[in-house]
C-alpha cells in the first residue's frame, strides 16, 4: 500500500471515530429532552461508527501500515429540533460517502485492488447509512409536532440493535 492511500485510510479511520463522537453528542441531546428511543438509535449508530473505524484500523495493519490517531474536534451539542439533529446526521453521512468515494478513486488510480475490495464494503454500507437516516427524517416530516407521533417513533427506535459483526476485532 502506498503512502498516499495509507494516509487517506488513516484520515478516514479518524473520521469514523469522529462520527461516533458526533452521534454520542446527538444521543446526549435526545436523552436531555427525554427521548430515550431516539437517543438509543444514536447510541447504536455510535457503535456502528466505532466498528467502521476499527475495521479501517485492522485493514491498515493487515496491509503493513500503521494506524495513527489525530485529535477529534468537539461536536455540536445542541440542535434547534429533533429533525435538525437527523438532518445534521444525514449531511454528515453524505460527507462520509464522499470521503469513501475519494479513497476509492485513489485506489483505482493506484491499481490498489486490495483497498478497492475493502472499500466496496464501505460503499455499500454508506447507501444503508444514508437511507436509514433519510427514512427517519421522512417520518419526522409526517408526524410534524405531533407528540403522539414522536412518542411512537421513540418507541420504534428504541428497538434498534447492533449485531456484533463476526469479524469484529478490538
Protein backbone atom coordinates (compact mmCIF):
# COMPACT_ATOMS: atom_id res chain seq x y z
CA UNK A 1 0.00 0.00 0.00
CA UNK A 2 1.47 3.35 -0.94
CA UNK A 3 1.79 6.24 1.49
CA UNK A 4 -0.98 8.29 -0.19
CA UNK A 5 -3.54 5.51 0.30
CA UNK A 6 -2.29 4.80 3.82
CA UNK A 7 -2.74 8.47 4.77
CA UNK A 8 -6.24 8.59 3.30
CA UNK A 9 -7.20 5.41 5.17
CA UNK A 10 -5.81 6.81 8.42
CA UNK A 11 -7.71 10.05 7.89
CA UNK A 12 -10.89 8.06 7.28
CA UNK A 13 -10.32 5.88 10.34
CA UNK A 14 -10.10 9.02 12.46
CA UNK A 15 -13.17 10.48 10.75
CA UNK A 16 -15.15 7.33 11.60
CA UNK A 17 -14.21 7.76 15.26
CA UNK A 18 -15.20 11.43 14.99
CA UNK A 19 -18.54 10.25 13.58
CA UNK A 20 -19.03 8.14 16.70
CA UNK A 21 -18.32 11.22 18.80
CA UNK A 22 -20.95 13.22 16.87
CA UNK A 23 -23.55 10.51 17.34
CA UNK A 24 -22.90 10.29 21.08
CA UNK A 25 -23.46 14.05 21.27
CA UNK A 26 -26.76 13.58 19.45
CA UNK A 27 -27.68 10.78 21.85
CA UNK A 28 -26.97 13.08 24.78
CA UNK A 29 -29.17 15.76 23.19
CA UNK A 30 -32.04 13.26 22.80
CA UNK A 31 -31.59 11.94 26.32
CA UNK A 32 -31.68 15.51 27.62
CA UNK A 33 -35.14 16.03 26.09
CA UNK A 34 -36.39 12.67 27.40
CA UNK A 35 -36.43 10.86 24.07
CA UNK A 36 -34.63 7.71 25.09
CA UNK A 37 -35.58 5.76 21.95
CA UNK A 38 -34.05 8.40 19.68
CA UNK A 39 -31.01 8.52 21.99
CA UNK A 40 -30.77 4.73 21.76
CA UNK A 41 -30.78 4.93 17.95
CA UNK A 42 -27.84 7.35 18.06
CA UNK A 43 -26.00 5.14 20.59
CA UNK A 44 -26.33 2.18 18.23
CA UNK A 45 -25.09 4.44 15.44
CA UNK A 46 -22.10 5.25 17.64
CA UNK A 47 -21.32 1.54 17.93
CA UNK A 48 -21.51 1.16 14.15
CA UNK A 49 -19.11 4.06 13.62
CA UNK A 50 -16.68 2.61 16.17
CA UNK A 51 -16.84 -0.65 14.24
CA UNK A 52 -16.13 1.19 10.98
CA UNK A 53 -13.11 2.92 12.50
CA UNK A 54 -11.86 -0.37 13.92
CA UNK A 55 -12.31 -2.03 10.53
CA UNK A 56 -10.04 0.63 8.96
CA UNK A 57 -7.56 0.20 11.84
CA UNK A 58 -7.20 -3.53 11.17
CA UNK A 59 -7.08 -3.12 7.41
CA UNK A 60 -4.22 -0.62 7.68
CA UNK A 61 -2.31 -3.09 9.87
CA UNK A 62 -3.05 -6.03 7.57
CA UNK A 63 -1.51 -4.09 4.69
CA UNK A 64 1.66 -3.37 6.66
CA UNK A 65 0.71 0.19 7.52
CA UNK A 66 0.47 1.94 10.84
CA UNK A 67 -2.71 3.45 12.24
CA UNK A 68 -2.21 6.99 13.53
CA UNK A 69 -4.68 8.80 15.72
CA UNK A 70 -5.37 12.50 15.47
CA UNK A 71 -7.23 15.00 17.61
CA UNK A 72 -11.00 14.76 17.46
CA UNK A 73 -12.87 18.06 17.39
CA UNK A 74 -15.72 18.64 19.81
CA UNK A 75 -19.07 18.01 18.13
CA UNK A 76 -22.07 20.29 18.35
CA UNK A 77 -24.13 19.72 21.47
CA UNK A 78 -27.38 21.47 20.65
CA UNK A 79 -29.79 21.30 17.73
CA UNK A 80 -32.84 23.50 17.20
CA UNK A 81 -35.04 20.41 16.86
CA UNK A 82 -35.01 16.65 16.72
CA UNK A 83 -35.43 16.84 12.95
CA UNK A 84 -32.43 19.20 12.72
CA UNK A 85 -30.28 16.64 14.55
CA UNK A 86 -31.22 13.98 11.99
CA UNK A 87 -30.68 16.39 9.10
CA UNK A 88 -27.21 17.05 10.52
CA UNK A 89 -26.66 13.29 10.69
CA UNK A 90 -27.71 12.86 7.06
CA UNK A 91 -25.42 15.66 5.92
CA UNK A 92 -22.58 14.07 7.88
CA UNK A 93 -23.22 10.68 6.27
CA UNK A 94 -23.09 12.34 2.84
CA UNK A 95 -19.65 13.72 3.77
CA UNK A 96 -18.56 10.21 4.81
CA UNK A 97 -19.81 8.84 1.49
CA UNK A 98 -17.86 11.49 -0.42
CA UNK A 99 -14.70 10.69 1.55
CA UNK A 100 -15.06 6.94 0.90
CA UNK A 101 -15.61 7.63 -2.79
CA UNK A 102 -12.44 9.74 -2.94
CA UNK A 103 -10.41 6.96 -1.34
CA UNK A 104 -11.94 4.50 -3.82
CA UNK A 105 -10.98 6.78 -6.72
CA UNK A 106 -7.41 6.97 -5.42
CA UNK A 107 -7.28 3.18 -5.00
CA UNK A 108 -8.46 2.74 -8.61
CA UNK A 109 -5.88 5.23 -9.86
CA UNK A 110 -3.14 3.40 -7.91
CA UNK A 111 -4.37 -0.05 -9.04
CA UNK A 112 -4.68 -0.95 -5.36
CA UNK A 113 -7.13 -3.81 -5.78
CA UNK A 114 -6.99 -4.91 -2.14
CA UNK A 115 -8.07 -1.47 -0.95
CA UNK A 116 -10.78 -1.37 -3.60
CA UNK A 117 -12.07 -4.69 -2.30
CA UNK A 118 -12.05 -3.42 1.28
CA UNK A 119 -13.77 -0.19 0.30
CA UNK A 120 -16.56 -1.98 -1.57
CA UNK A 121 -17.98 -2.93 1.84
CA UNK A 122 -17.92 0.72 2.93
CA UNK A 123 -19.51 1.92 -0.33
CA UNK A 124 -22.41 -0.47 0.21
CA UNK A 125 -22.62 0.44 3.90
CA UNK A 126 -22.94 4.14 3.09
CA UNK A 127 -26.01 3.50 0.96
CA UNK A 128 -27.64 1.93 4.03
CA UNK A 129 -26.39 4.67 6.35
CA UNK A 130 -27.87 7.49 4.28
CA UNK A 131 -31.10 5.60 3.62
CA UNK A 132 -31.79 4.81 7.29
CA UNK A 133 -31.34 8.44 8.39
CA UNK A 134 -33.38 9.71 5.46
CA UNK A 135 -36.24 7.34 6.41
CA UNK A 136 -36.31 8.81 9.93
CA UNK A 137 -36.38 12.36 8.55
CA UNK A 138 -39.32 11.43 6.30
CA UNK A 139 -41.21 10.01 9.29
CA UNK A 140 -40.44 13.15 11.31
CA UNK A 141 -41.86 15.19 8.43
CA UNK A 142 -45.01 13.09 8.52
CA UNK A 143 -45.59 13.37 12.26
CA UNK A 144 -44.62 17.05 12.48
CA UNK A 145 -45.10 18.37 16.00
CA UNK A 146 -47.47 15.56 16.99
CA UNK A 147 -46.50 14.37 20.45
CA UNK A 148 -48.19 11.04 19.75
CA UNK A 149 -46.18 10.58 16.56
CA UNK A 150 -42.88 11.44 18.25
CA UNK A 151 -43.77 9.08 21.12
CA UNK A 152 -44.48 6.24 18.66
CA UNK A 153 -41.24 6.86 16.78
CA UNK A 154 -39.34 6.97 20.07
CA UNK A 155 -40.68 3.52 20.93
CA UNK A 156 -39.85 2.22 17.45
CA UNK A 157 -36.26 3.49 17.52
CA UNK A 158 -35.75 2.03 20.99
CA UNK A 159 -35.85 -1.45 19.40
CA UNK A 160 -32.75 -0.95 17.21
CA UNK A 161 -29.91 -3.36 17.93
CA UNK A 162 -26.26 -3.54 16.99
CA UNK A 163 -25.48 -7.03 15.80
CA UNK A 164 -21.84 -7.58 16.60
CA UNK A 165 -20.16 -8.49 13.30
CA UNK A 166 -18.31 -11.80 13.23
CA UNK A 167 -15.11 -10.03 12.11
CA UNK A 168 -15.10 -7.52 14.98
CA UNK A 169 -11.60 -7.35 16.43
CA UNK A 170 -10.63 -4.89 19.08
